[in-house]
């Protein structure tokens, strides 16, 4: 569990670092509160959709490469 929390925090730091390095901070500082809330809301939606996507992708990879072991176990039982 701690490893997953660390990965999420690391991802957030990388994304924030990329945002600051892009040079578009002047636009973000001069925009109104509603603009910041609008962009923040959609950024949160995108980030929250990344988590299930990564979980599904890891399950896919595990199923593709781990399927042979399961097939061997089934052959041994029958």
Protein backbone atom coordinates (compact mmCIF):
# COMPACT_ATOMS: atom_id res chain seq x y z
CA UNK A 1 0.00 0.00 0.00
CA UNK A 2 2.82 2.40 0.83
CA UNK A 3 4.38 1.69 -2.54
CA UNK A 4 1.18 2.73 -4.36
CA UNK A 5 0.90 5.92 -2.32
CA UNK A 6 4.52 6.70 -3.13
CA UNK A 7 3.87 6.16 -6.83
CA UNK A 8 0.84 8.46 -6.82
CA UNK A 9 2.75 11.20 -4.99
CA UNK A 10 5.67 10.80 -7.38
CA UNK A 11 3.32 11.08 -10.36
CA UNK A 12 1.77 14.25 -8.91
CA UNK A 13 5.21 15.79 -8.36
CA UNK A 14 6.29 14.98 -11.91
CA UNK A 15 3.10 16.44 -13.37
CA UNK A 16 3.40 19.62 -11.28
CA UNK A 17 7.06 19.93 -12.19
CA UNK A 18 6.23 19.63 -15.87
CA UNK A 19 3.57 22.29 -15.49
CA UNK A 20 5.96 24.71 -13.84
CA UNK A 21 8.69 24.03 -16.39
CA UNK A 22 6.38 24.59 -19.35
CA UNK A 23 6.34 28.36 -18.90
CA UNK A 24 2.56 28.70 -18.92
CA UNK A 25 2.45 29.71 -15.29
CA UNK A 26 2.02 33.39 -16.20
CA UNK A 27 -1.29 32.54 -17.86
CA UNK A 28 -2.38 30.54 -14.84
CA UNK A 29 -1.48 33.34 -12.40
CA UNK A 30 -3.37 35.98 -14.36
CA UNK A 31 -6.54 33.93 -14.83
CA UNK A 32 -9.63 34.24 -12.68
CA UNK A 33 -10.72 31.89 -9.92
CA UNK A 34 -13.36 30.22 -12.12
CA UNK A 35 -10.75 29.47 -14.78
CA UNK A 36 -8.51 27.86 -12.19
CA UNK A 37 -11.40 25.80 -10.81
CA UNK A 38 -12.43 24.75 -14.32
CA UNK A 39 -8.93 23.60 -15.27
CA UNK A 40 -8.37 21.98 -11.87
CA UNK A 41 -11.64 20.05 -12.11
CA UNK A 42 -10.80 18.58 -15.49
CA UNK A 43 -7.23 17.86 -14.43
CA UNK A 44 -8.62 15.93 -11.45
CA UNK A 45 -10.93 13.95 -13.74
CA UNK A 46 -8.03 13.02 -16.01
CA UNK A 47 -5.81 12.02 -13.09
CA UNK A 48 -8.55 9.95 -11.51
CA UNK A 49 -9.10 8.10 -14.79
CA UNK A 50 -5.41 7.25 -15.04
CA UNK A 51 -5.55 5.10 -11.90
CA UNK A 52 -8.15 2.57 -13.19
CA UNK A 53 -6.45 2.59 -16.57
CA UNK A 54 -3.12 1.61 -15.05
CA UNK A 55 -4.80 -1.10 -12.97
CA UNK A 56 -6.55 -2.54 -16.04
CA UNK A 57 -3.35 -2.40 -18.07
CA UNK A 58 -1.37 -4.17 -15.33
CA UNK A 59 -4.08 -6.85 -15.11
CA UNK A 60 -3.89 -7.29 -18.88
CA UNK A 61 -0.12 -7.72 -18.77
CA UNK A 62 -0.39 -10.12 -15.84
CA UNK A 63 -3.03 -12.14 -17.70
CA UNK A 64 -1.00 -12.32 -20.88
CA UNK A 65 2.28 -13.30 -19.28
CA UNK A 66 0.87 -15.15 -16.27
CA UNK A 67 -1.63 -17.26 -18.19
CA UNK A 68 0.87 -20.01 -18.96
CA UNK A 69 1.40 -20.78 -15.28
CA UNK A 70 -2.33 -21.04 -14.69
CA UNK A 71 -2.71 -23.37 -17.68
CA UNK A 72 0.07 -25.60 -16.31
CA UNK A 73 -1.68 -25.73 -12.93
CA UNK A 74 -4.93 -26.76 -14.57
CA UNK A 75 -3.22 -29.53 -16.56
CA UNK A 76 -1.65 -30.95 -13.41
CA UNK A 77 -4.97 -31.11 -11.55
CA UNK A 78 -6.93 -32.95 -14.26
